[in-house]
Amino acid sequence: MRTLIVIVTGLTLVLGWSLVHAQSDCRGQCDLMLKECKQDCVDAQNFDQCVSSCQGLYQQCLGSCQS
């Protein structure tokens, strides 16, 4: 019984760390996407609307990281 508890605890720690690491990578990709999107807005006719759209896409991206 003790061995089973140790195994389950170990797996939980490993899987939890993997999930946190994957979410961190995902958020990093979202940050990069936002930066690139904002850079593309420099040449846009309506800069403020473009940046607002980038923020919306960024929020969607972050939402997908938690799924």
C-alpha atoms as a PDB file:
ATOM      1  CA  MET A   1       0.000   0.000   0.000  1.00  0.00           C
ATOM      2  CA  ARG A   2       2.821   2.395   0.832  1.00  0.00           C
ATOM      3  CA  THR A   3       4.489   1.683  -2.481  1.00  0.00           C
ATOM      4  CA  LEU A   4       1.288   2.478  -4.337  1.00  0.00           C
ATOM      5  CA  ILE A   5       0.973   5.817  -2.539  1.00  0.00           C
ATOM      6  CA  VAL A   6       4.586   6.685  -3.382  1.00  0.00           C
ATOM      7  CA  ILE A   7       4.057   5.770  -7.042  1.00  0.00           C
ATOM      8  CA  VAL A   8       0.824   7.784  -7.311  1.00  0.00           C
ATOM      9  CA  THR A   9       2.442  10.784  -5.601  1.00  0.00           C
ATOM     10  CA  GLY A  10       5.446  10.598  -7.921  1.00  0.00           C
ATOM     11  CA  LEU A  11       3.283  10.431 -11.030  1.00  0.00           C
ATOM     12  CA  THR A  12       1.186  13.347  -9.819  1.00  0.00           C
ATOM     13  CA  LEU A  13       4.298  15.472  -9.331  1.00  0.00           C
ATOM     14  CA  VAL A  14       5.722  14.580 -12.741  1.00  0.00           C
ATOM     15  CA  LEU A  15       2.451  15.140 -14.590  1.00  0.00           C
ATOM     16  CA  GLY A  16       1.780  18.379 -12.718  1.00  0.00           C
ATOM     17  CA  TRP A  17       5.225  19.714 -13.594  1.00  0.00           C
ATOM     18  CA  SER A  18       4.736  18.741 -17.241  1.00  0.00           C
ATOM     19  CA  LEU A  19       1.408  20.571 -17.370  1.00  0.00           C
ATOM     20  CA  VAL A  20       2.880  23.727 -15.823  1.00  0.00           C
ATOM     21  CA  HIS A  21       5.821  23.583 -18.225  1.00  0.00           C
ATOM     22  CA  ALA A  22       3.518  23.126 -21.241  1.00  0.00           C
ATOM     23  CA  GLN A  23       1.332  26.051 -20.142  1.00  0.00           C
ATOM     24  CA  SER A  24       4.432  28.213 -19.735  1.00  0.00           C
ATOM     25  CA  ASP A  25       5.549  27.340 -23.277  1.00  0.00           C
ATOM     26  CA  CYS A  26       2.062  28.103 -24.578  1.00  0.00           C
ATOM     27  CA  ARG A  27       1.991  31.509 -22.876  1.00  0.00           C
ATOM     28  CA  GLY A  28       5.406  32.239 -24.356  1.00  0.00           C
ATOM     29  CA  GLN A  29       4.055  31.500 -27.822  1.00  0.00           C
ATOM     30  CA  CYS A  30       1.094  33.803 -27.155  1.00  0.00           C
ATOM     31  CA  ASP A  31       3.459  36.584 -26.069  1.00  0.00           C
ATOM     32  CA  LEU A  32       5.470  36.177 -29.255  1.00  0.00           C
ATOM     33  CA  MET A  33       2.306  36.201 -31.372  1.00  0.00           C
ATOM     34  CA  LEU A  34       1.147  39.427 -29.659  1.00  0.00           C
ATOM     35  CA  LYS A  35       4.487  41.115 -30.259  1.00  0.00           C
ATOM     36  CA  GLU A  36       4.473  40.169 -33.951  1.00  0.00           C
ATOM     37  CA  CYS A  37       0.831  41.231 -34.337  1.00  0.00           C
ATOM     38  CA  LYS A  38       1.537  44.649 -32.812  1.00  0.00           C
ATOM     39  CA  GLN A  39       4.539  45.097 -35.113  1.00  0.00           C
ATOM     40  CA  ASP A  40       2.253  44.426 -38.069  1.00  0.00           C
ATOM     41  CA  CYS A  41      -0.056  47.188 -36.801  1.00  0.00           C
ATOM     42  CA  VAL A  42       2.597  49.848 -37.433  1.00  0.00           C
ATOM     43  CA  ASP A  43       1.604  50.001 -41.102  1.00  0.00           C
ATOM     44  CA  ALA A  44      -2.138  49.627 -40.481  1.00  0.00           C
ATOM     45  CA  GLN A  45      -4.465  52.503 -41.338  1.00  0.00           C
ATOM     46  CA  ASN A  46      -6.296  52.202 -38.011  1.00  0.00           C
ATOM     47  CA  PHE A  47      -3.523  51.452 -35.514  1.00  0.00           C
ATOM     48  CA  ASP A  48      -5.744  51.457 -32.405  1.00  0.00           C
ATOM     49  CA  GLN A  49      -8.255  49.015 -33.892  1.00  0.00           C
ATOM     50  CA  CYS A  50      -5.423  46.763 -35.043  1.00  0.00           C
ATOM     51  CA  VAL A  51      -3.865  46.706 -31.570  1.00  0.00           C
ATOM     52  CA  SER A  52      -7.277  46.014 -30.047  1.00  0.00           C
ATOM     53  CA  SER A  53      -7.684  43.037 -32.388  1.00  0.00           C
ATOM     54  CA  CYS A  54      -4.247  41.803 -31.367  1.00  0.00           C
ATOM     55  CA  GLN A  55      -5.267  41.964 -27.697  1.00  0.00           C
ATOM     56  CA  GLY A  56      -8.384  39.922 -28.443  1.00  0.00           C
ATOM     57  CA  LEU A  57      -6.355  37.276 -30.260  1.00  0.00           C
ATOM     58  CA  TYR A  58      -3.891  37.242 -27.385  1.00  0.00           C
ATOM     59  CA  GLN A  59      -6.682  36.614 -24.851  1.00  0.00           C
ATOM     60  CA  GLN A  60      -8.027  33.757 -27.000  1.00  0.00           C
ATOM     61  CA  CYS A  61      -4.535  32.294 -27.228  1.00  0.00           C
ATOM     62  CA  LEU A  62      -4.097  32.444 -23.445  1.00  0.00           C
ATOM     63  CA  GLY A  63      -7.486  30.813 -23.000  1.00  0.00           C
ATOM     64  CA  SER A  64      -6.391  27.900 -25.157  1.00  0.00           C
ATOM     65  CA  CYS A  65      -3.298  27.436 -22.971  1.00  0.00           C
ATOM     66  CA  GLN A  66      -5.462  26.524 -19.997  1.00  0.00           C
ATOM     67  CA  SER A  67      -7.438  23.872 -21.839  1.00  0.00           C
END
